[in-house]
Amino acid sequence: MRDTPDLWPIDLQTFMQDLYDSIQSNGFLLTVFRYKFTEPEIALNSLNGKPFPNNNELTLRLEKFVTIAKSVVWETHPYPDSHNIIHITGGNYQQWFGVLQERVIEAKEADNQTDNIWLIANDSSINGIIGLMNCLRLEPGGENWRYIFNYDSTGSPMDIDFNVNPYSDILANDLVANVVKEGKVGTYRHLRLPTDYDKCLSNDYHLNSSKIGDLGGLQWYDSRSIARVNEMWGMSNNKETVTRVEIYCSGISFRDVMLSTGRIPFGPEQLFTDCLIGYEYAGRRADTGERVMGLEGGRTVATSINANLSGMTKIPDHWSMADASTIINNYSTLWYGLIKRANLKKGESILIHSAAGGIGQSAINICKHYECDIYVTVGTEDKKQFLMEEYNIPEDRILNSRDILFKNQIKELTNGKGVDIVINSLAGDKLDASYECLANCGRFVEIGKFDMFQNKQLGMFDFLRDIQFIGVGMDAVFMKDPNFWQDFYDWMHKNCTNGCVKPYNYTLYNASDVD
């Protein structure tokens, strides 16, 4: 209620009764009264010739209002009985938990509203009184629970006398949450923070997700608090030498998309870092200025990173930074799964799923170098035209990955034999159809993760045809084989000028395009 001139002629006592009747039980009346006029108001009222009270009359009106409120209309809250005051301690809950249970049962079984029950906590600033109260308020009769929380936590017994301040004010205010902090009494309120409340200006940042399973949770985080170190313990429990790398370009893999959307869960690498977005990077070493490319266990979509020396290599002179950031993740997967495990041979037939993607284009380059008989699948007409124009794949060898008709088409194109190798990233019934595309003694290279995490079952009958199912789990390979990166980088540098390993078609985005 704001006391304005139109209320001055009204009888205060009658007006107060009307206000009281319109407020529900345990409601509040907030009042705003003037106790003096400003000089411009006095001058303006004098010029208008309107009668107005002086400052003394304003003060008297306020005092009259308070007197009427206290003595006539507004009820005061009764002083709580001792059995309705429960001292909460974090160390010895047996002293109070049984009493608390009794009060909860009484409030639940009571036909009428019961007296307020006060919880008192002063043994620790982290004794859990706030969470306890949030739970109690959800119980039947929970509207009668109140608490006083001494945040200063002296640990000494708190003598509560509701006849004196500040406890008399706490009783009168009748708030659920009452906090004594630094000698002052306050309360807690949930306030909606602005969307940029935790934003800051920084030239050193990385991309992470605040909400797994929702791409809207992707945002930039300040990296200045991340310690710059010279060595750390790796996932294989061995000490590794690291150096600072200023990142120019980072590659976004299909795995990053699957993790960010929640399609696949995080693996054991989450024990070592709070950011698993980004694996591949290209930049310059801060100590030497050398152009380097490498793979890390996360946090590579960033301006800089503490990079493992064993996980990086020099960028070939004829590659740009962006070119280099398309190589390692895809080609290391294919080198391990296709060449090292599946033992790809010159002239073999191969089916490459999702061939317009990073893995697909990389596999086409490798298979062209090995003069393979190539069949591919794509999901759209645009991707089909792209493969025809960019890689000269015949139209009749580009099949549709959106259904399982490719199985019969592969059989027809190979005269019923099937293909020697399948590089699979499809899931569900499309994986089953791909499995049946194998020729006798064929190799099925599974680079997808979804069906693995779903523990999909495969029939054993086809193994009578001496086929191999090769599941590629690069995380396990990195942890087991300390020489993996050196062997891969040797192969990469050896084949980076003969067309076997080369950058594929990519789209370059600025950091501001993340949103």
Protein backbone atom coordinates (compact mmCIF):
# COMPACT_ATOMS: atom_id res chain seq x y z
CA MET A 1 0.00 0.00 0.00
CA ARG A 2 1.32 3.41 -0.94
CA ASP A 3 -0.01 6.30 1.17
CA THR A 4 -1.13 8.91 -1.39
CA PRO A 5 -3.17 12.15 -1.03
CA ASP A 6 -6.38 10.41 -2.15
CA LEU A 7 -6.17 8.20 0.97
CA TRP A 8 -5.76 11.06 3.45
CA PRO A 9 -9.49 11.81 3.89
CA ILE A 10 -10.26 8.11 4.59
CA ASP A 11 -10.59 6.90 8.18
CA LEU A 12 -7.44 4.87 8.85
CA GLN A 13 -9.02 2.39 11.24
CA THR A 14 -11.79 1.46 8.79
CA PHE A 15 -9.30 1.32 5.93
CA MET A 16 -6.99 -1.00 7.89
CA GLN A 17 -9.85 -3.37 8.64
CA ASP A 18 -10.70 -3.53 4.93
CA LEU A 19 -7.08 -4.32 4.10
CA TYR A 20 -6.94 -7.02 6.74
CA ASP A 21 -10.09 -8.69 5.42
CA SER A 22 -8.67 -8.83 1.88
CA ILE A 23 -5.37 -10.51 2.82
CA GLN A 24 -5.21 -14.28 3.10
CA SER A 25 -3.85 -16.14 6.10
CA ASN A 26 -0.13 -15.59 6.71
CA GLY A 27 -0.15 -12.81 4.14
CA PHE A 28 1.86 -9.58 4.18
CA LEU A 29 1.07 -5.91 3.98
CA LEU A 30 3.85 -3.76 2.57
CA THR A 31 3.36 -0.04 3.14
CA VAL A 32 5.09 3.06 1.80
CA PHE A 33 4.61 6.33 3.76
CA ARG A 34 5.99 9.80 3.19
CA TYR A 35 7.55 11.49 6.20
CA LYS A 36 8.52 14.77 4.52
CA PHE A 37 8.07 16.78 1.33
CA THR A 38 10.86 17.92 -0.95
CA GLU A 39 11.46 21.63 -1.49
CA PRO A 40 10.15 21.57 -5.11
CA GLU A 41 6.93 19.87 -3.92
CA ILE A 42 6.39 22.49 -1.26
CA ALA A 43 6.92 25.29 -3.79
CA LEU A 44 4.61 23.68 -6.39
CA ASN A 45 1.80 23.08 -3.87
CA SER A 46 2.08 26.68 -2.69
CA LEU A 47 1.71 27.97 -6.25
CA ASN A 48 -1.35 25.76 -6.86
CA GLY A 49 -3.00 26.97 -3.67
CA LYS A 50 -3.92 23.40 -2.68
CA PRO A 51 -4.04 22.50 1.02
CA PHE A 52 -1.48 19.86 1.97
CA PRO A 53 -0.16 18.57 5.31
CA ASN A 54 3.18 19.65 6.63
CA ASN A 55 6.02 17.29 7.52
CA ASN A 56 4.94 17.01 11.13
CA GLU A 57 1.47 15.90 10.09
CA LEU A 58 3.01 13.24 7.84
CA THR A 59 5.00 11.88 10.78
CA LEU A 60 1.90 11.83 12.98
CA ARG A 61 -0.04 9.95 10.28
CA LEU A 62 2.67 7.31 10.09
CA GLU A 63 2.72 6.87 13.86
CA LYS A 64 -1.07 6.60 13.93
CA PHE A 65 -0.99 3.93 11.24
CA VAL A 66 1.55 1.86 13.20
CA THR A 67 -0.48 2.19 16.41
CA ILE A 68 -3.69 1.03 14.72
CA ALA A 69 -1.90 -1.86 13.01
CA LYS A 70 -0.42 -3.12 16.28
CA SER A 71 -3.35 -2.68 18.62
CA VAL A 72 -6.43 -3.17 16.51
CA VAL A 73 -6.05 -5.22 13.37
CA TRP A 74 -2.84 -7.17 12.79
CA GLU A 75 -2.19 -10.28 14.81
CA THR A 76 1.26 -11.11 16.07
CA HIS A 77 2.68 -14.59 15.72
CA PRO A 78 2.61 -16.59 18.95
CA TYR A 79 5.90 -17.34 20.63
CA PRO A 80 6.89 -20.93 19.77
CA ASP A 81 6.89 -23.48 22.57
CA SER A 82 10.19 -25.12 23.43
CA HIS A 83 9.08 -28.44 21.94
CA ASN A 84 8.60 -26.68 18.59
CA ILE A 85 12.22 -25.52 18.53
CA ILE A 86 14.65 -28.16 17.22
CA HIS A 87 18.41 -27.63 17.21
CA ILE A 88 19.95 -29.21 14.12
CA THR A 89 23.56 -30.43 14.34
CA GLY A 90 25.54 -32.06 11.58
CA GLY A 91 27.68 -34.32 13.74
CA ASN A 92 25.13 -35.98 16.04
CA TYR A 93 21.82 -36.38 14.24
CA GLN A 94 20.53 -38.96 16.76
CA GLN A 95 19.81 -36.07 19.16
CA TRP A 96 17.28 -34.39 16.93
CA PHE A 97 16.24 -36.69 14.08
CA GLY A 98 13.69 -38.63 16.15
CA VAL A 99 12.06 -35.40 17.35
CA LEU A 100 11.95 -34.17 13.77
CA GLN A 101 10.18 -37.34 12.67
CA GLU A 102 7.56 -36.92 15.38
CA ARG A 103 6.81 -33.34 14.31
CA VAL A 104 6.49 -34.41 10.65
CA ILE A 105 3.99 -37.14 11.61
CA GLU A 106 2.02 -34.75 13.83
CA ALA A 107 1.78 -32.18 11.02
CA LYS A 108 0.67 -34.87 8.58
CA GLU A 109 -2.06 -36.27 10.85
CA ALA A 110 -3.34 -32.92 12.17
CA ASP A 111 -6.82 -31.92 11.04
CA ASN A 112 -6.14 -28.23 11.56
CA GLN A 113 -3.09 -26.11 10.92
CA THR A 114 -0.43 -26.65 13.58
CA ASP A 115 1.97 -24.15 15.11
CA ASN A 116 5.16 -23.25 13.31
CA ILE A 117 8.16 -25.48 13.97
CA TRP A 118 11.55 -23.78 14.10
CA LEU A 119 14.82 -25.46 13.14
CA ILE A 120 17.94 -23.83 14.56
CA ALA A 121 21.38 -24.49 13.03
CA ASN A 122 24.61 -22.88 14.15
CA ASP A 123 27.23 -25.64 14.37
CA SER A 124 28.55 -25.29 10.79
CA SER A 125 28.07 -23.20 7.67
CA ILE A 126 27.60 -26.42 5.66
CA ASN A 127 25.39 -28.46 7.97
CA GLY A 128 22.67 -29.05 5.33
CA ILE A 129 19.84 -27.09 6.96
CA ILE A 130 18.82 -25.51 3.64
CA GLY A 131 18.46 -28.83 1.80
CA LEU A 132 16.67 -30.37 4.78
CA MET A 133 14.15 -27.54 4.82
CA ASN A 134 13.56 -27.84 1.07
CA CYS A 135 12.56 -31.47 1.66
CA LEU A 136 10.41 -30.75 4.71
CA ARG A 137 8.46 -28.07 2.86
CA LEU A 138 7.30 -30.73 0.38
CA GLU A 139 5.81 -32.89 3.13
CA PRO A 140 2.19 -32.56 4.33
CA GLY A 141 2.12 -29.64 6.77
CA GLY A 142 5.39 -28.36 5.32
CA GLU A 143 4.07 -24.79 5.20
CA ASN A 144 4.61 -24.58 9.00
CA TRP A 145 8.37 -25.17 8.95
CA ARG A 146 10.82 -22.31 9.56
CA TYR A 147 14.55 -22.18 10.17
CA ILE A 148 17.21 -19.89 11.59
CA PHE A 149 20.65 -20.51 10.11
CA ASN A 150 23.67 -18.95 11.78
CA TYR A 151 26.02 -18.79 8.81
CA ASP A 152 28.79 -17.40 11.01
CA SER A 153 28.81 -20.88 12.65
CA THR A 154 30.43 -20.18 15.98
CA GLY A 155 29.58 -23.71 17.08
CA SER A 156 28.45 -22.52 20.51
CA PRO A 157 24.82 -23.05 21.64
CA MET A 158 22.47 -20.41 20.27
CA ASP A 159 20.12 -18.92 22.84
CA ILE A 160 16.89 -18.02 21.08
CA ASP A 161 14.72 -15.37 22.73
CA PHE A 162 11.91 -14.28 20.44
CA ASN A 163 11.19 -11.30 22.72
CA VAL A 164 14.36 -9.45 21.68
CA ASN A 165 15.95 -8.49 18.40
CA PRO A 166 16.84 -9.89 15.97
CA TYR A 167 14.62 -12.86 16.83
CA SER A 168 11.53 -10.75 17.50
CA ASP A 169 11.85 -9.34 13.98
CA ILE A 170 12.37 -12.87 12.60
CA LEU A 171 9.18 -14.01 14.35
CA ALA A 172 7.23 -11.01 13.07
CA ASN A 173 8.44 -11.41 9.48
CA ASP A 174 7.43 -15.08 9.50
CA LEU A 175 9.83 -16.00 6.69
CA VAL A 176 10.78 -19.60 6.01
CA ALA A 177 14.49 -18.88 5.62
CA ASN A 178 16.21 -16.70 8.21
CA VAL A 179 19.97 -16.33 8.00
CA VAL A 180 22.32 -14.62 10.42
CA LYS A 181 25.49 -13.68 8.58
CA GLU A 182 28.15 -11.26 9.80
CA GLY A 183 25.76 -10.13 12.52
CA LYS A 184 22.99 -9.23 10.07
CA VAL A 185 19.66 -10.97 9.55
CA GLY A 186 18.51 -11.84 6.03
CA THR A 187 16.81 -14.54 4.00
CA TYR A 188 17.34 -16.57 0.85
CA ARG A 189 15.56 -15.99 -2.42
CA HIS A 190 15.88 -17.73 -5.78
CA LEU A 191 16.65 -15.05 -8.34
CA ARG A 192 16.77 -15.54 -12.09
CA LEU A 193 20.24 -14.60 -13.26
CA PRO A 194 20.83 -12.89 -16.60
CA THR A 195 22.07 -15.17 -19.38
CA ASP A 196 25.49 -13.51 -19.39
CA TYR A 197 26.01 -13.42 -15.62
CA ASP A 198 29.05 -15.72 -15.82
CA LYS A 199 30.59 -14.24 -18.98
CA CYS A 200 33.97 -12.56 -19.10
CA LEU A 201 36.40 -11.21 -21.67
CA SER A 202 39.26 -13.58 -22.41
CA ASN A 203 41.75 -14.25 -25.19
CA ASP A 204 42.32 -17.81 -23.95
CA TYR A 205 39.22 -20.01 -24.15
CA HIS A 206 37.93 -23.48 -25.08
CA LEU A 207 34.66 -25.05 -26.20
CA ASN A 208 32.76 -27.28 -23.80
CA SER A 209 29.20 -28.34 -23.08
CA SER A 210 27.33 -27.33 -19.94
CA LYS A 211 24.53 -29.80 -20.66
CA ILE A 212 25.32 -33.15 -22.21
CA GLY A 213 22.74 -34.23 -24.73
CA ASP A 214 21.79 -30.70 -25.76
CA LEU A 215 23.69 -28.82 -28.46
CA GLY A 216 22.36 -25.61 -26.89
CA GLY A 217 24.73 -26.28 -24.00
CA LEU A 218 27.82 -25.68 -26.14
CA GLN A 219 29.61 -22.48 -25.14
CA TRP A 220 33.06 -20.97 -24.73
CA TYR A 221 34.83 -21.23 -21.37
CA ASP A 222 37.70 -19.20 -19.96
CA SER A 223 40.98 -21.18 -20.07
CA ARG A 224 43.16 -18.79 -18.08
CA SER A 225 42.70 -20.78 -14.87
CA ILE A 226 44.07 -23.98 -16.46
CA ALA A 227 47.59 -24.53 -15.18
CA ARG A 228 50.43 -24.48 -17.69
CA VAL A 229 52.56 -27.51 -16.91
CA ASN A 230 55.57 -29.27 -18.43
CA GLU A 231 54.54 -32.82 -17.59
CA MET A 232 51.48 -34.79 -16.52
CA TRP A 233 50.27 -38.34 -15.96
CA GLY A 234 48.62 -39.92 -18.98
CA MET A 235 45.77 -42.42 -19.30
CA SER A 236 48.29 -45.28 -19.32
CA ASN A 237 49.57 -44.15 -15.91
CA ASN A 238 52.88 -42.98 -17.35
CA LYS A 239 54.46 -39.56 -17.02
CA GLU A 240 54.28 -37.55 -20.24
CA THR A 241 56.09 -34.41 -21.33
CA VAL A 242 53.79 -31.65 -22.53
CA THR A 243 54.27 -28.26 -24.10
CA ARG A 244 52.07 -25.30 -24.86
CA VAL A 245 50.59 -25.18 -28.37
CA GLU A 246 48.82 -22.12 -29.75
CA ILE A 247 45.96 -23.61 -31.76
CA TYR A 248 45.07 -22.21 -35.19
CA CYS A 249 42.53 -24.80 -36.36
CA SER A 250 40.63 -27.67 -34.71
CA GLY A 251 38.80 -30.53 -36.34
CA ILE A 252 35.23 -31.43 -35.35
CA SER A 253 34.61 -35.18 -35.64
CA PHE A 254 31.43 -37.23 -35.77
CA ARG A 255 32.37 -38.47 -32.29
CA ASP A 256 32.16 -34.89 -30.99
CA VAL A 257 28.65 -34.63 -32.42
CA MET A 258 27.58 -37.95 -30.89
CA LEU A 259 28.95 -36.98 -27.47
CA SER A 260 27.43 -33.50 -27.54
CA THR A 261 24.00 -34.82 -28.50
CA GLY A 262 24.14 -37.63 -25.92
CA ARG A 263 23.93 -40.41 -28.53
CA ILE A 264 26.93 -42.14 -26.96
CA PRO A 265 28.21 -41.86 -23.37
CA PHE A 266 31.61 -40.71 -22.24
CA GLY A 267 34.26 -43.36 -21.69
CA PRO A 268 36.97 -43.71 -19.03
CA GLU A 269 38.78 -40.66 -20.41
CA GLN A 270 36.33 -38.47 -18.49
CA LEU A 271 38.36 -39.35 -15.38
CA PHE A 272 41.23 -37.27 -16.73
CA THR A 273 39.48 -34.17 -18.04
CA ASP A 274 36.24 -32.23 -17.66
CA CYS A 275 36.17 -31.42 -21.39
CA LEU A 276 35.96 -34.14 -24.04
CA ILE A 277 34.90 -31.90 -26.92
CA GLY A 278 37.58 -31.78 -29.61
CA TYR A 279 40.40 -34.24 -30.33
CA GLU A 280 42.33 -32.88 -33.28
CA TYR A 281 44.31 -29.65 -33.55
CA ALA A 282 46.84 -27.80 -35.68
CA GLY A 283 48.95 -24.89 -34.47
CA ARG A 284 52.38 -23.73 -33.37
CA ARG A 285 54.47 -24.77 -30.41
CA ALA A 286 54.78 -21.83 -28.03
CA ASP A 287 58.42 -22.65 -27.25
CA THR A 288 59.81 -23.15 -30.79
CA GLY A 289 57.18 -21.74 -33.17
CA GLU A 290 57.18 -25.00 -35.13
CA ARG A 291 53.99 -25.91 -37.00
CA VAL A 292 52.56 -29.03 -35.40
CA MET A 293 49.45 -31.19 -35.56
CA GLY A 294 48.24 -33.67 -32.98
CA LEU A 295 45.49 -35.48 -31.14
CA GLU A 296 44.50 -35.04 -27.49
CA GLY A 297 41.83 -36.51 -25.22
CA GLY A 298 39.64 -33.38 -25.39
CA ARG A 299 39.68 -29.58 -25.07
CA THR A 300 41.28 -29.04 -28.49
CA VAL A 301 38.61 -26.64 -29.79
CA ALA A 302 40.52 -23.90 -28.02
CA THR A 303 42.99 -21.09 -28.43
CA SER A 304 45.77 -23.08 -26.73
CA ILE A 305 46.39 -26.42 -25.07
CA ASN A 306 48.92 -28.32 -22.96
CA ALA A 307 49.79 -30.88 -25.65
CA ASN A 308 51.56 -34.21 -25.23
CA LEU A 309 54.83 -34.29 -27.20
CA SER A 310 54.32 -37.94 -28.16
CA GLY A 311 50.89 -37.13 -29.62
CA MET A 312 52.06 -34.44 -32.05
CA THR A 313 54.11 -34.28 -35.23
CA LYS A 314 55.38 -31.69 -37.67
CA ILE A 315 52.92 -30.47 -40.31
CA PRO A 316 54.10 -31.25 -43.87
CA ASP A 317 55.13 -28.08 -45.66
CA HIS A 318 52.51 -28.39 -48.40
CA TRP A 319 49.58 -28.53 -45.91
CA SER A 320 47.88 -25.51 -44.38
CA MET A 321 46.79 -25.47 -40.74
CA ALA A 322 43.21 -26.18 -41.81
CA ASP A 323 44.38 -29.05 -44.04
CA ALA A 324 46.30 -30.59 -41.17
CA SER A 325 43.31 -30.49 -38.81
CA THR A 326 41.38 -32.88 -41.11
CA ILE A 327 43.97 -35.66 -41.10
CA ILE A 328 44.76 -37.34 -37.80
CA ASN A 329 41.42 -38.47 -36.40
CA ASN A 330 40.13 -40.01 -39.62
CA TYR A 331 43.34 -41.36 -41.11
CA SER A 332 44.59 -42.85 -37.83
CA THR A 333 41.27 -44.70 -37.49
CA LEU A 334 41.52 -46.02 -41.04
CA TRP A 335 45.23 -46.85 -40.78
CA TYR A 336 44.54 -48.96 -37.71
CA GLY A 337 41.22 -50.52 -38.74
CA LEU A 338 41.64 -50.85 -42.50
CA ILE A 339 45.37 -51.38 -43.02
CA LYS A 340 46.75 -52.75 -39.76
CA ARG A 341 43.77 -54.87 -38.65
CA ALA A 342 41.89 -55.66 -41.89
CA ASN A 343 45.16 -55.94 -43.87
CA LEU A 344 43.87 -54.12 -46.96
CA LYS A 345 45.39 -55.50 -50.19
CA LYS A 346 45.75 -54.00 -53.61
CA GLY A 347 42.74 -54.54 -55.89
CA GLU A 348 40.27 -55.69 -53.21
CA SER A 349 36.61 -54.68 -53.32
CA ILE A 350 35.29 -52.43 -50.55
CA LEU A 351 31.99 -50.86 -49.45
CA ILE A 352 32.37 -47.45 -47.76
CA HIS A 353 29.33 -46.17 -45.89
CA SER A 354 28.64 -42.43 -45.45
CA ALA A 355 31.32 -41.80 -48.02
CA ALA A 356 30.81 -38.03 -48.24
CA GLY A 357 31.90 -37.56 -44.61
CA GLY A 358 35.41 -37.18 -43.26
CA ILE A 359 36.04 -40.90 -42.73
CA GLY A 360 34.41 -41.70 -46.06
CA GLN A 361 36.50 -39.28 -48.11
CA SER A 362 39.68 -40.38 -46.34
CA ALA A 363 38.84 -44.03 -47.04
CA ILE A 364 38.26 -43.23 -50.72
CA ASN A 365 41.73 -41.65 -50.94
CA ILE A 366 43.38 -44.69 -49.35
CA CYS A 367 41.43 -47.17 -51.46
CA LYS A 368 42.18 -45.30 -54.68
CA HIS A 369 45.87 -45.51 -53.77
CA TYR A 370 45.44 -49.29 -53.30
CA GLU A 371 43.52 -49.46 -56.63
CA CYS A 372 40.49 -50.98 -54.90
CA ASP A 373 37.10 -51.73 -56.43
CA ILE A 374 35.08 -49.05 -54.58
CA TYR A 375 31.36 -49.00 -53.71
CA VAL A 376 29.88 -46.24 -51.53
CA THR A 377 26.66 -45.12 -49.88
CA VAL A 378 25.39 -41.59 -49.17
CA GLY A 379 22.22 -40.11 -47.72
CA THR A 380 21.34 -37.31 -50.14
CA GLU A 381 21.44 -36.49 -53.84
CA ASP A 382 23.81 -33.57 -53.20
CA LYS A 383 26.35 -35.89 -51.62
CA LYS A 384 26.00 -38.27 -54.53
CA GLN A 385 26.80 -35.49 -57.00
CA PHE A 386 29.72 -34.40 -54.81
CA LEU A 387 31.34 -37.86 -54.94
CA MET A 388 30.80 -38.12 -58.69
CA GLU A 389 32.40 -34.74 -59.35
CA GLU A 390 35.15 -34.75 -56.70
CA TYR A 391 36.24 -38.42 -56.71
CA ASN A 392 34.91 -39.70 -60.06
CA ILE A 393 32.86 -42.46 -58.42
CA PRO A 394 30.54 -44.01 -61.06
CA GLU A 395 26.88 -43.26 -60.46
CA ASP A 396 25.85 -46.92 -60.37
CA ARG A 397 28.31 -47.54 -57.51
CA ILE A 398 26.83 -44.79 -55.29
CA LEU A 399 24.00 -46.34 -53.29
CA ASN A 400 21.49 -45.02 -50.76
CA SER A 401 22.33 -45.35 -47.04
CA ARG A 402 18.80 -44.41 -45.89
CA ASP A 403 17.39 -47.92 -46.48
CA ILE A 404 18.70 -51.48 -46.79
CA LEU A 405 18.25 -51.88 -50.56
CA PHE A 406 22.01 -51.45 -50.96
CA LYS A 407 22.43 -55.07 -49.78
CA ASN A 408 20.74 -56.49 -52.89
CA GLN A 409 22.43 -53.92 -55.12
CA ILE A 410 25.88 -54.90 -53.83
CA LYS A 411 25.11 -58.58 -54.45
CA GLU A 412 23.99 -57.75 -57.97
CA LEU A 413 27.01 -55.55 -58.75
CA THR A 414 29.43 -58.23 -57.49
CA ASN A 415 27.67 -61.16 -59.16
CA GLY A 416 26.45 -62.47 -55.81
CA LYS A 417 29.90 -62.60 -54.20
CA GLY A 418 29.79 -59.51 -52.00
CA VAL A 419 32.74 -57.28 -51.13
CA ASP A 420 36.01 -58.10 -49.40
CA ILE A 421 35.77 -55.28 -46.85
CA VAL A 422 32.97 -53.16 -45.40
CA ILE A 423 33.76 -49.91 -43.54
CA ASN A 424 30.61 -49.48 -41.50
CA SER A 425 29.26 -46.52 -39.56
CA LEU A 426 25.54 -47.34 -39.91
CA ALA A 427 23.40 -48.72 -37.10
CA GLY A 428 20.40 -50.98 -36.57
CA ASP A 429 19.06 -52.95 -39.52
CA LYS A 430 21.50 -51.15 -41.82
CA LEU A 431 24.37 -52.72 -39.90
CA ASP A 432 22.75 -56.14 -40.37
CA ALA A 433 22.37 -55.49 -44.10
CA SER A 434 26.00 -54.35 -44.33
CA TYR A 435 27.11 -57.51 -42.53
CA GLU A 436 25.46 -59.58 -45.25
CA CYS A 437 27.33 -57.69 -47.97
CA LEU A 438 30.59 -59.45 -47.10
CA ALA A 439 32.10 -62.03 -49.39
CA ASN A 440 33.63 -65.23 -48.06
CA CYS A 441 36.76 -64.47 -45.99
CA GLY A 442 35.67 -60.82 -45.85
CA ARG A 443 36.43 -58.26 -43.12
CA PHE A 444 33.80 -56.09 -41.47
CA VAL A 445 35.42 -52.95 -40.00
CA GLU A 446 33.01 -51.34 -37.50
CA ILE A 447 33.93 -47.73 -36.74
CA GLY A 448 30.51 -46.71 -35.42
CA LYS A 449 29.87 -46.68 -31.68
CA PHE A 450 26.11 -46.56 -31.27
CA ASP A 451 25.37 -50.28 -31.68
CA MET A 452 28.38 -51.17 -29.55
CA PHE A 453 27.04 -49.14 -26.65
CA GLN A 454 23.62 -50.71 -27.24
CA ASN A 455 25.24 -54.17 -27.05
CA LYS A 456 23.67 -55.17 -30.37
CA GLN A 457 23.63 -58.91 -31.09
CA LEU A 458 24.99 -60.44 -34.32
CA GLY A 459 24.29 -63.91 -35.70
CA MET A 460 27.20 -66.34 -35.57
CA PHE A 461 26.29 -68.33 -38.69
CA ASP A 462 28.17 -66.05 -41.09
CA PHE A 463 31.43 -66.75 -39.27
CA LEU A 464 31.31 -70.17 -40.95
CA ARG A 465 32.29 -68.25 -44.08
CA ASP A 466 35.56 -67.25 -42.39
CA ILE A 467 34.66 -63.60 -42.08
CA GLN A 468 36.15 -61.21 -39.50
CA PHE A 469 34.33 -58.62 -37.41
CA ILE A 470 36.78 -55.87 -36.43
CA GLY A 471 35.54 -53.40 -33.86
CA VAL A 472 37.68 -50.28 -33.87
CA GLY A 473 37.93 -48.71 -30.41
CA MET A 474 40.66 -46.12 -30.72
CA ASP A 475 40.47 -45.08 -27.07
CA ALA A 476 41.59 -48.54 -26.01
CA VAL A 477 44.34 -48.54 -28.64
CA PHE A 478 45.75 -45.23 -27.43
CA MET A 479 45.92 -46.50 -23.86
CA LYS A 480 47.47 -49.87 -24.71
CA ASP A 481 50.03 -49.12 -27.44
CA PRO A 482 52.60 -46.45 -26.50
CA ASN A 483 54.16 -46.65 -29.98
CA PHE A 484 50.89 -46.11 -31.84
CA TRP A 485 51.40 -42.45 -32.67
CA GLN A 486 54.98 -42.80 -33.80
CA ASP A 487 54.02 -45.69 -36.13
CA PHE A 488 51.06 -43.78 -37.53
CA TYR A 489 52.98 -40.55 -38.07
CA ASP A 490 55.74 -42.46 -39.89
CA TRP A 491 53.09 -43.93 -42.23
CA MET A 492 51.40 -40.54 -42.66
CA HIS A 493 54.57 -38.68 -43.63
CA LYS A 494 55.55 -41.51 -45.98
CA ASN A 495 52.21 -41.31 -47.81
CA CYS A 496 51.38 -37.59 -47.63
CA THR A 497 52.73 -36.88 -51.14
CA ASN A 498 51.51 -39.90 -53.12
CA GLY A 499 47.76 -39.28 -52.83
CA CYS A 500 47.13 -41.90 -50.15
CA VAL A 501 46.96 -39.35 -47.31
CA LYS A 502 45.68 -35.95 -48.28
CA PRO A 503 43.26 -33.36 -46.86
CA TYR A 504 39.66 -33.94 -47.81
CA ASN A 505 36.97 -31.41 -48.65
CA TYR A 506 36.08 -29.38 -45.55
CA THR A 507 34.21 -26.28 -44.39
CA LEU A 508 36.10 -23.71 -42.32
CA TYR A 509 34.21 -21.91 -39.52
CA ASN A 510 35.16 -19.02 -37.27
CA ALA A 511 35.00 -19.33 -33.49
CA SER A 512 31.98 -17.00 -33.48
CA ASP A 513 30.03 -19.52 -35.59
CA VAL A 514 29.73 -21.97 -32.69
CA ASP A 515 26.50 -20.34 -31.49
